[in-house]
Amino acid sequence: MGGGYSYFMLLSGQDYPIKSNEYILDFLSEQYPKPLIDHERVVEGSWAWPKFSVYKWINRIDAVQKKLKKGLLRSSLVAFFCIANFIETRIIGSPRDNLIKHNISLYGGSAWWILPHCIIDYVTDQLSSNKRIIREFKRVFTPEELFFQTLAMNSPYSVLINENDDIYTKGDQQCMTFANFITPTKSFRGHPHIITDEDFDRIMAKKALFARKFDMNVCQSVMDKIDNETQC
């Protein structure tokens, strides 16, 4: 299934390399077959714990509360969705409880990863052979922050994965895509800040291979600076 590739990587349109192609190739060659993925064990009270609930009803409740003013219609809709959530959870179970019941340890982390073909092959096998996992992950919130992390840490290759600290607010991320969550002038807000010229020296000093978020409509010059630095 690997198709001759050693690694597979998830990138978005707002990610950008902060190392040269040669450096990235050499780095990955040295790391192989280590998976480069952020992960935290999901326990009660952790940031990812509620994401394993039946999120379609929670999303609808949130949407109603944001769109409608307080009144009978809003209260009725919220009550209906709360009852629907209760019934589905009681009859089918929450994704969290169902996965734990089948001895699957839950993990969450940054959506950005670099994984060796052995884990990608494992995930592909699970997609075709373990319909329960797919069914449960279709019911969670932000599965991109839960699915690969959980499957990688439940795979035979989990021993290759480094332990993580607090991946969002401390240190550099294992996934090798630096997210600009905290800057000297801006505090943590739950989403990465757009990278600008004032961030250039700081992000170039990171061990990461890529960084995010970039936006050409906000600051294109920082990407020009990165190109000049990595192509020297």
C-alpha atoms as a PDB file:
ATOM      1  CA  MET A   1       0.000   0.000   0.000  1.00  0.00           C
ATOM      2  CA  GLY A   2       2.933   2.336   0.652  1.00  0.00           C
ATOM      3  CA  GLY A   3       3.440   2.820  -3.079  1.00  0.00           C
ATOM      4  CA  GLY A   4       7.189   3.108  -2.653  1.00  0.00           C
ATOM      5  CA  TYR A   5       6.971   6.073  -0.254  1.00  0.00           C
ATOM      6  CA  SER A   6       8.569   5.942   3.186  1.00  0.00           C
ATOM      7  CA  TYR A   7       6.520   8.744   4.742  1.00  0.00           C
ATOM      8  CA  PHE A   8       3.137  10.367   4.246  1.00  0.00           C
ATOM      9  CA  MET A   9       2.344  13.847   5.539  1.00  0.00           C
ATOM     10  CA  LEU A  10      -0.778  15.875   6.169  1.00  0.00           C
ATOM     11  CA  LEU A  11      -0.476  19.523   5.083  1.00  0.00           C
ATOM     12  CA  SER A  12      -2.997  22.295   4.595  1.00  0.00           C
ATOM     13  CA  GLY A  13      -3.065  25.286   2.281  1.00  0.00           C
ATOM     14  CA  GLN A  14      -1.863  27.507   5.136  1.00  0.00           C
ATOM     15  CA  ASP A  15       1.272  25.461   5.897  1.00  0.00           C
ATOM     16  CA  TYR A  16       4.691  26.374   4.520  1.00  0.00           C
ATOM     17  CA  PRO A  17       8.161  24.760   4.699  1.00  0.00           C
ATOM     18  CA  ILE A  18      10.654  26.564   6.919  1.00  0.00           C
ATOM     19  CA  LYS A  19      13.545  24.256   6.015  1.00  0.00           C
ATOM     20  CA  SER A  20      15.075  23.520   2.630  1.00  0.00           C
ATOM     21  CA  ASN A  21      13.994  20.478   0.612  1.00  0.00           C
ATOM     22  CA  GLU A  22      17.425  18.941   1.153  1.00  0.00           C
ATOM     23  CA  TYR A  23      17.217  19.414   4.909  1.00  0.00           C
ATOM     24  CA  ILE A  24      13.719  17.902   5.049  1.00  0.00           C
ATOM     25  CA  LEU A  25      14.771  14.871   3.006  1.00  0.00           C
ATOM     26  CA  ASP A  26      17.886  14.277   5.121  1.00  0.00           C
ATOM     27  CA  PHE A  27      15.937  14.704   8.358  1.00  0.00           C
ATOM     28  CA  LEU A  28      13.245  12.214   7.415  1.00  0.00           C
ATOM     29  CA  SER A  29      15.822   9.731   6.157  1.00  0.00           C
ATOM     30  CA  GLU A  30      17.517   9.841   9.553  1.00  0.00           C
ATOM     31  CA  GLN A  31      14.217   9.561  11.464  1.00  0.00           C
ATOM     32  CA  TYR A  32      12.727   6.673   9.483  1.00  0.00           C
ATOM     33  CA  PRO A  33      10.633   4.752  10.505  1.00  0.00           C
ATOM     34  CA  LYS A  34       9.752   6.931  13.532  1.00  0.00           C
ATOM     35  CA  PRO A  35       6.195   8.335  13.390  1.00  0.00           C
ATOM     36  CA  LEU A  36       6.103  12.101  13.911  1.00  0.00           C
ATOM     37  CA  ILE A  37       2.724  12.794  15.460  1.00  0.00           C
ATOM     38  CA  ASP A  38       1.445  14.689  18.485  1.00  0.00           C
ATOM     39  CA  HIS A  39      -0.658  12.689  20.906  1.00  0.00           C
ATOM     40  CA  GLU A  40      -2.103  12.976  24.381  1.00  0.00           C
ATOM     41  CA  ARG A  41      -3.967  10.279  26.248  1.00  0.00           C
ATOM     42  CA  VAL A  42      -7.635  11.248  26.463  1.00  0.00           C
ATOM     43  CA  VAL A  43      -8.802  11.162  30.080  1.00  0.00           C
ATOM     44  CA  GLU A  44     -11.770  12.759  31.823  1.00  0.00           C
ATOM     45  CA  GLY A  45     -11.220  16.503  32.072  1.00  0.00           C
ATOM     46  CA  SER A  46      -8.756  16.680  29.179  1.00  0.00           C
ATOM     47  CA  TRP A  47      -9.366  18.952  26.173  1.00  0.00           C
ATOM     48  CA  ALA A  48     -10.259  15.997  23.918  1.00  0.00           C
ATOM     49  CA  TRP A  49     -12.614  14.210  26.339  1.00  0.00           C
ATOM     50  CA  PRO A  50     -15.835  15.958  25.164  1.00  0.00           C
ATOM     51  CA  LYS A  51     -14.822  15.541  21.511  1.00  0.00           C
ATOM     52  CA  PHE A  52     -15.631  11.826  21.827  1.00  0.00           C
ATOM     53  CA  SER A  53     -19.284  12.622  22.627  1.00  0.00           C
ATOM     54  CA  VAL A  54     -22.128  12.422  20.076  1.00  0.00           C
ATOM     55  CA  TYR A  55     -21.270  15.762  18.605  1.00  0.00           C
ATOM     56  CA  LYS A  56     -23.990  16.161  15.986  1.00  0.00           C
ATOM     57  CA  TRP A  57     -26.498  17.033  18.724  1.00  0.00           C
ATOM     58  CA  ILE A  58     -24.100  19.271  20.624  1.00  0.00           C
ATOM     59  CA  ASN A  59     -23.345  21.168  17.406  1.00  0.00           C
ATOM     60  CA  ARG A  60     -27.054  21.674  16.748  1.00  0.00           C
ATOM     61  CA  ILE A  61     -27.652  22.926  20.268  1.00  0.00           C
ATOM     62  CA  ASP A  62     -24.781  25.362  19.893  1.00  0.00           C
ATOM     63  CA  ALA A  63     -26.080  26.567  16.514  1.00  0.00           C
ATOM     64  CA  VAL A  64     -29.585  27.180  17.880  1.00  0.00           C
ATOM     65  CA  GLN A  65     -28.256  29.098  20.873  1.00  0.00           C
ATOM     66  CA  LYS A  66     -26.169  31.312  18.603  1.00  0.00           C
ATOM     67  CA  LYS A  67     -28.808  31.992  15.938  1.00  0.00           C
ATOM     68  CA  LEU A  68     -32.021  32.328  17.948  1.00  0.00           C
ATOM     69  CA  LYS A  69     -32.904  34.750  20.689  1.00  0.00           C
ATOM     70  CA  LYS A  70     -34.127  33.419  24.006  1.00  0.00           C
ATOM     71  CA  GLY A  71     -37.721  32.314  23.764  1.00  0.00           C
ATOM     72  CA  LEU A  72     -40.063  29.378  23.355  1.00  0.00           C
ATOM     73  CA  LEU A  73     -38.739  28.272  19.951  1.00  0.00           C
ATOM     74  CA  ARG A  74     -35.118  28.284  21.102  1.00  0.00           C
ATOM     75  CA  SER A  75     -35.935  26.483  24.346  1.00  0.00           C
ATOM     76  CA  SER A  76     -38.013  23.875  22.504  1.00  0.00           C
ATOM     77  CA  LEU A  77     -35.311  23.120  19.955  1.00  0.00           C
ATOM     78  CA  VAL A  78     -32.606  22.888  22.611  1.00  0.00           C
ATOM     79  CA  ALA A  79     -34.794  20.544  24.652  1.00  0.00           C
ATOM     80  CA  PHE A  80     -35.486  18.376  21.592  1.00  0.00           C
ATOM     81  CA  PHE A  81     -31.781  18.065  20.725  1.00  0.00           C
ATOM     82  CA  CYS A  82     -30.893  17.323  24.357  1.00  0.00           C
ATOM     83  CA  ILE A  83     -33.465  14.531  24.429  1.00  0.00           C
ATOM     84  CA  ALA A  84     -32.221  13.173  21.079  1.00  0.00           C
ATOM     85  CA  ASN A  85     -28.659  13.192  22.399  1.00  0.00           C
ATOM     86  CA  PHE A  86     -29.750  11.390  25.572  1.00  0.00           C
ATOM     87  CA  ILE A  87     -31.696   8.731  23.646  1.00  0.00           C
ATOM     88  CA  GLU A  88     -28.903   8.052  21.134  1.00  0.00           C
ATOM     89  CA  THR A  89     -26.324   7.835  23.905  1.00  0.00           C
ATOM     90  CA  ARG A  90     -28.498   5.477  25.936  1.00  0.00           C
ATOM     91  CA  ILE A  91     -29.376   3.204  23.012  1.00  0.00           C
ATOM     92  CA  ILE A  92     -26.201   3.248  20.901  1.00  0.00           C
ATOM     93  CA  GLY A  93     -23.688   4.586  23.409  1.00  0.00           C
ATOM     94  CA  SER A  94     -21.247   7.468  22.993  1.00  0.00           C
ATOM     95  CA  PRO A  95     -18.219   7.012  20.717  1.00  0.00           C
ATOM     96  CA  ARG A  96     -16.014   7.376  23.783  1.00  0.00           C
ATOM     97  CA  ASP A  97     -17.732   4.619  25.767  1.00  0.00           C
ATOM     98  CA  ASN A  98     -18.046   2.285  22.778  1.00  0.00           C
ATOM     99  CA  LEU A  99     -14.372   2.547  21.850  1.00  0.00           C
ATOM    100  CA  ILE A 100     -13.189   2.120  25.437  1.00  0.00           C
ATOM    101  CA  LYS A 101     -15.510  -0.890  25.816  1.00  0.00           C
ATOM    102  CA  HIS A 102     -13.645  -2.541  22.958  1.00  0.00           C
ATOM    103  CA  ASN A 103     -10.260  -1.918  24.602  1.00  0.00           C
ATOM    104  CA  ILE A 104      -9.279   0.985  22.355  1.00  0.00           C
ATOM    105  CA  SER A 105      -7.231   3.630  24.171  1.00  0.00           C
ATOM    106  CA  LEU A 106      -8.219   7.140  23.139  1.00  0.00           C
ATOM    107  CA  TYR A 107      -5.755   9.800  22.000  1.00  0.00           C
ATOM    108  CA  GLY A 108      -5.912  13.289  20.570  1.00  0.00           C
ATOM    109  CA  GLY A 109      -3.432  15.749  19.159  1.00  0.00           C
ATOM    110  CA  SER A 110      -2.532  18.148  16.399  1.00  0.00           C
ATOM    111  CA  ALA A 111      -4.099  17.289  13.057  1.00  0.00           C
ATOM    112  CA  TRP A 112      -0.717  17.641  11.328  1.00  0.00           C
ATOM    113  CA  TRP A 113       1.494  14.572  11.194  1.00  0.00           C
ATOM    114  CA  ILE A 114       4.213  12.713   9.273  1.00  0.00           C
ATOM    115  CA  LEU A 115       3.636   8.961   9.406  1.00  0.00           C
ATOM    116  CA  PRO A 116       5.665   6.043   7.995  1.00  0.00           C
ATOM    117  CA  HIS A 117       4.050   3.742   5.473  1.00  0.00           C
ATOM    118  CA  CYS A 118       3.724   0.946   8.065  1.00  0.00           C
ATOM    119  CA  ILE A 119       1.228   3.001  10.089  1.00  0.00           C
ATOM    120  CA  ILE A 120      -0.571   4.191   6.958  1.00  0.00           C
ATOM    121  CA  ASP A 121      -0.901   0.532   5.921  1.00  0.00           C
ATOM    122  CA  TYR A 122      -2.240  -0.294   9.396  1.00  0.00           C
ATOM    123  CA  VAL A 123      -4.805   2.523   9.199  1.00  0.00           C
ATOM    124  CA  THR A 124      -5.861   1.393   5.722  1.00  0.00           C
ATOM    125  CA  ASP A 125      -6.332  -2.169   6.977  1.00  0.00           C
ATOM    126  CA  GLN A 126      -8.471  -0.903   9.847  1.00  0.00           C
ATOM    127  CA  LEU A 127     -10.631   1.077   7.438  1.00  0.00           C
ATOM    128  CA  SER A 128     -11.520  -2.102   5.581  1.00  0.00           C
ATOM    129  CA  SER A 129     -11.636  -4.586   8.455  1.00  0.00           C
ATOM    130  CA  ASN A 130     -12.846  -2.692  11.510  1.00  0.00           C
ATOM    131  CA  LYS A 131     -16.141  -1.029  10.648  1.00  0.00           C
ATOM    132  CA  ARG A 132     -16.822  -0.255  14.300  1.00  0.00           C
ATOM    133  CA  ILE A 133     -13.930   2.199  14.501  1.00  0.00           C
ATOM    134  CA  ILE A 134     -15.085   4.038  11.389  1.00  0.00           C
ATOM    135  CA  ARG A 135     -18.671   4.191  12.618  1.00  0.00           C
ATOM    136  CA  GLU A 136     -17.651   5.684  15.957  1.00  0.00           C
ATOM    137  CA  PHE A 137     -15.245   8.229  14.512  1.00  0.00           C
ATOM    138  CA  LYS A 138     -17.969   9.494  12.175  1.00  0.00           C
ATOM    139  CA  ARG A 139     -19.828  10.579  15.316  1.00  0.00           C
ATOM    140  CA  VAL A 140     -17.048  12.544  17.047  1.00  0.00           C
ATOM    141  CA  PHE A 141     -16.077  16.209  16.847  1.00  0.00           C
ATOM    142  CA  THR A 142     -12.901  17.178  14.905  1.00  0.00           C
ATOM    143  CA  PRO A 143     -11.971  13.570  14.013  1.00  0.00           C
ATOM    144  CA  GLU A 144      -8.805  14.891  12.333  1.00  0.00           C
ATOM    145  CA  GLU A 145      -7.480  15.528  15.871  1.00  0.00           C
ATOM    146  CA  LEU A 146      -8.482  12.081  17.143  1.00  0.00           C
ATOM    147  CA  PHE A 147      -8.541   9.406  14.422  1.00  0.00           C
ATOM    148  CA  PHE A 148      -4.891   9.068  13.371  1.00  0.00           C
ATOM    149  CA  GLN A 149      -3.669   9.690  16.914  1.00  0.00           C
ATOM    150  CA  THR A 150      -5.846   6.921  18.332  1.00  0.00           C
ATOM    151  CA  LEU A 151      -5.075   4.412  15.600  1.00  0.00           C
ATOM    152  CA  ALA A 152      -1.339   5.122  15.648  1.00  0.00           C
ATOM    153  CA  MET A 153      -1.163   4.663  19.430  1.00  0.00           C
ATOM    154  CA  ASN A 154      -3.192   1.446  19.258  1.00  0.00           C
ATOM    155  CA  SER A 155      -1.056   0.026  16.464  1.00  0.00           C
ATOM    156  CA  PRO A 156       1.905  -2.372  16.857  1.00  0.00           C
ATOM    157  CA  TYR A 157       4.139   0.625  16.006  1.00  0.00           C
ATOM    158  CA  SER A 158       3.199   2.798  18.993  1.00  0.00           C
ATOM    159  CA  VAL A 159       6.532   1.917  20.622  1.00  0.00           C
ATOM    160  CA  LEU A 160       8.232   4.034  17.947  1.00  0.00           C
ATOM    161  CA  ILE A 161       6.320   7.178  18.947  1.00  0.00           C
ATOM    162  CA  ASN A 162       7.890   9.632  21.375  1.00  0.00           C
ATOM    163  CA  GLU A 163       5.963  10.613  24.490  1.00  0.00           C
ATOM    164  CA  ASN A 164       4.395  14.070  24.310  1.00  0.00           C
ATOM    165  CA  ASP A 165       4.163  16.885  26.824  1.00  0.00           C
ATOM    166  CA  ASP A 166       1.407  19.513  26.692  1.00  0.00           C
ATOM    167  CA  ILE A 167       1.482  19.715  22.905  1.00  0.00           C
ATOM    168  CA  TYR A 168      -0.362  22.993  22.473  1.00  0.00           C
ATOM    169  CA  THR A 169       1.237  25.296  25.031  1.00  0.00           C
ATOM    170  CA  LYS A 170       4.680  23.878  25.796  1.00  0.00           C
ATOM    171  CA  GLY A 171       7.713  23.252  23.649  1.00  0.00           C
ATOM    172  CA  ASP A 172       7.896  22.153  20.020  1.00  0.00           C
ATOM    173  CA  GLN A 173       5.447  19.715  18.532  1.00  0.00           C
ATOM    174  CA  GLN A 174       6.486  16.206  17.567  1.00  0.00           C
ATOM    175  CA  CYS A 175       4.556  16.436  14.299  1.00  0.00           C
ATOM    176  CA  MET A 176       7.208  18.819  12.894  1.00  0.00           C
ATOM    177  CA  THR A 177       4.627  21.420  11.876  1.00  0.00           C
ATOM    178  CA  PHE A 178       4.990  24.372  14.204  1.00  0.00           C
ATOM    179  CA  ALA A 179       1.673  26.060  14.978  1.00  0.00           C
ATOM    180  CA  ASN A 180       1.907  29.713  15.995  1.00  0.00           C
ATOM    181  CA  PHE A 181      -0.293  29.451  19.079  1.00  0.00           C
ATOM    182  CA  ILE A 182       1.685  31.792  21.334  1.00  0.00           C
ATOM    183  CA  THR A 183       3.820  34.767  20.318  1.00  0.00           C
ATOM    184  CA  PRO A 184       5.717  37.357  22.403  1.00  0.00           C
ATOM    185  CA  THR A 185       2.897  39.854  21.784  1.00  0.00           C
ATOM    186  CA  LYS A 186      -0.161  37.573  21.573  1.00  0.00           C
ATOM    187  CA  SER A 187      -1.564  35.050  24.018  1.00  0.00           C
ATOM    188  CA  PHE A 188      -2.924  31.547  23.466  1.00  0.00           C
ATOM    189  CA  ARG A 189      -6.451  31.639  22.033  1.00  0.00           C
ATOM    190  CA  GLY A 190      -7.035  28.042  20.917  1.00  0.00           C
ATOM    191  CA  HIS A 191      -6.223  28.712  17.241  1.00  0.00           C
ATOM    192  CA  PRO A 192      -2.866  29.560  15.632  1.00  0.00           C
ATOM    193  CA  HIS A 193      -2.075  33.202  14.925  1.00  0.00           C
ATOM    194  CA  ILE A 194      -1.149  34.206  11.365  1.00  0.00           C
ATOM    195  CA  ILE A 195       2.646  34.296  10.947  1.00  0.00           C
ATOM    196  CA  THR A 196       4.044  37.711  10.024  1.00  0.00           C
ATOM    197  CA  ASP A 197       7.465  39.320   9.656  1.00  0.00           C
ATOM    198  CA  GLU A 198       7.754  39.815  13.405  1.00  0.00           C
ATOM    199  CA  ASP A 199       7.633  36.018  13.834  1.00  0.00           C
ATOM    200  CA  PHE A 200      10.364  35.267  11.275  1.00  0.00           C
ATOM    201  CA  ASP A 201      13.409  34.857  13.553  1.00  0.00           C
ATOM    202  CA  ARG A 202      11.436  32.894  16.114  1.00  0.00           C
ATOM    203  CA  ILE A 203       9.960  30.337  13.730  1.00  0.00           C
ATOM    204  CA  MET A 204      13.198  29.876  11.797  1.00  0.00           C
ATOM    205  CA  ALA A 205      14.870  28.856  15.068  1.00  0.00           C
ATOM    206  CA  LYS A 206      12.337  26.051  15.573  1.00  0.00           C
ATOM    207  CA  LYS A 207      13.253  22.436  14.920  1.00  0.00           C
ATOM    208  CA  ALA A 208      10.043  22.035  12.885  1.00  0.00           C
ATOM    209  CA  LEU A 209      10.120  21.424   9.136  1.00  0.00           C
ATOM    210  CA  PHE A 210       6.917  23.350   8.449  1.00  0.00           C
ATOM    211  CA  ALA A 211       4.934  26.097  10.146  1.00  0.00           C
ATOM    212  CA  ARG A 212       1.394  27.461  10.144  1.00  0.00           C
ATOM    213  CA  LYS A 213      -0.678  29.575   9.664  1.00  0.00           C
ATOM    214  CA  PHE A 214       0.390  31.696   6.706  1.00  0.00           C
ATOM    215  CA  ASP A 215      -1.917  34.032   4.801  1.00  0.00           C
ATOM    216  CA  MET A 216      -0.732  35.902   1.697  1.00  0.00           C
ATOM    217  CA  ASN A 217      -3.471  38.480   2.206  1.00  0.00           C
ATOM    218  CA  VAL A 218      -2.080  39.294   5.637  1.00  0.00           C
ATOM    219  CA  CYS A 219       1.676  38.985   5.120  1.00  0.00           C
ATOM    220  CA  GLN A 220       3.370  37.583   2.019  1.00  0.00           C
ATOM    221  CA  SER A 221       6.795  39.076   2.769  1.00  0.00           C
ATOM    222  CA  VAL A 222       7.496  36.590   5.561  1.00  0.00           C
ATOM    223  CA  MET A 223       7.273  33.739   3.035  1.00  0.00           C
ATOM    224  CA  ASP A 224       9.691  35.587   0.749  1.00  0.00           C
ATOM    225  CA  LYS A 225      12.116  35.848   3.670  1.00  0.00           C
ATOM    226  CA  ILE A 226      11.780  32.131   4.353  1.00  0.00           C
ATOM    227  CA  ASP A 227      12.468  31.312   0.689  1.00  0.00           C
ATOM    228  CA  ASN A 228      15.591  33.486   0.708  1.00  0.00           C
ATOM    229  CA  GLU A 229      16.804  31.806   3.894  1.00  0.00           C
ATOM    230  CA  THR A 230      16.150  28.190   2.865  1.00  0.00           C
ATOM    231  CA  GLN A 231      17.497  28.557  -0.682  1.00  0.00           C
ATOM    232  CA  CYS A 232      20.841  30.026   0.322  1.00  0.00           C
END
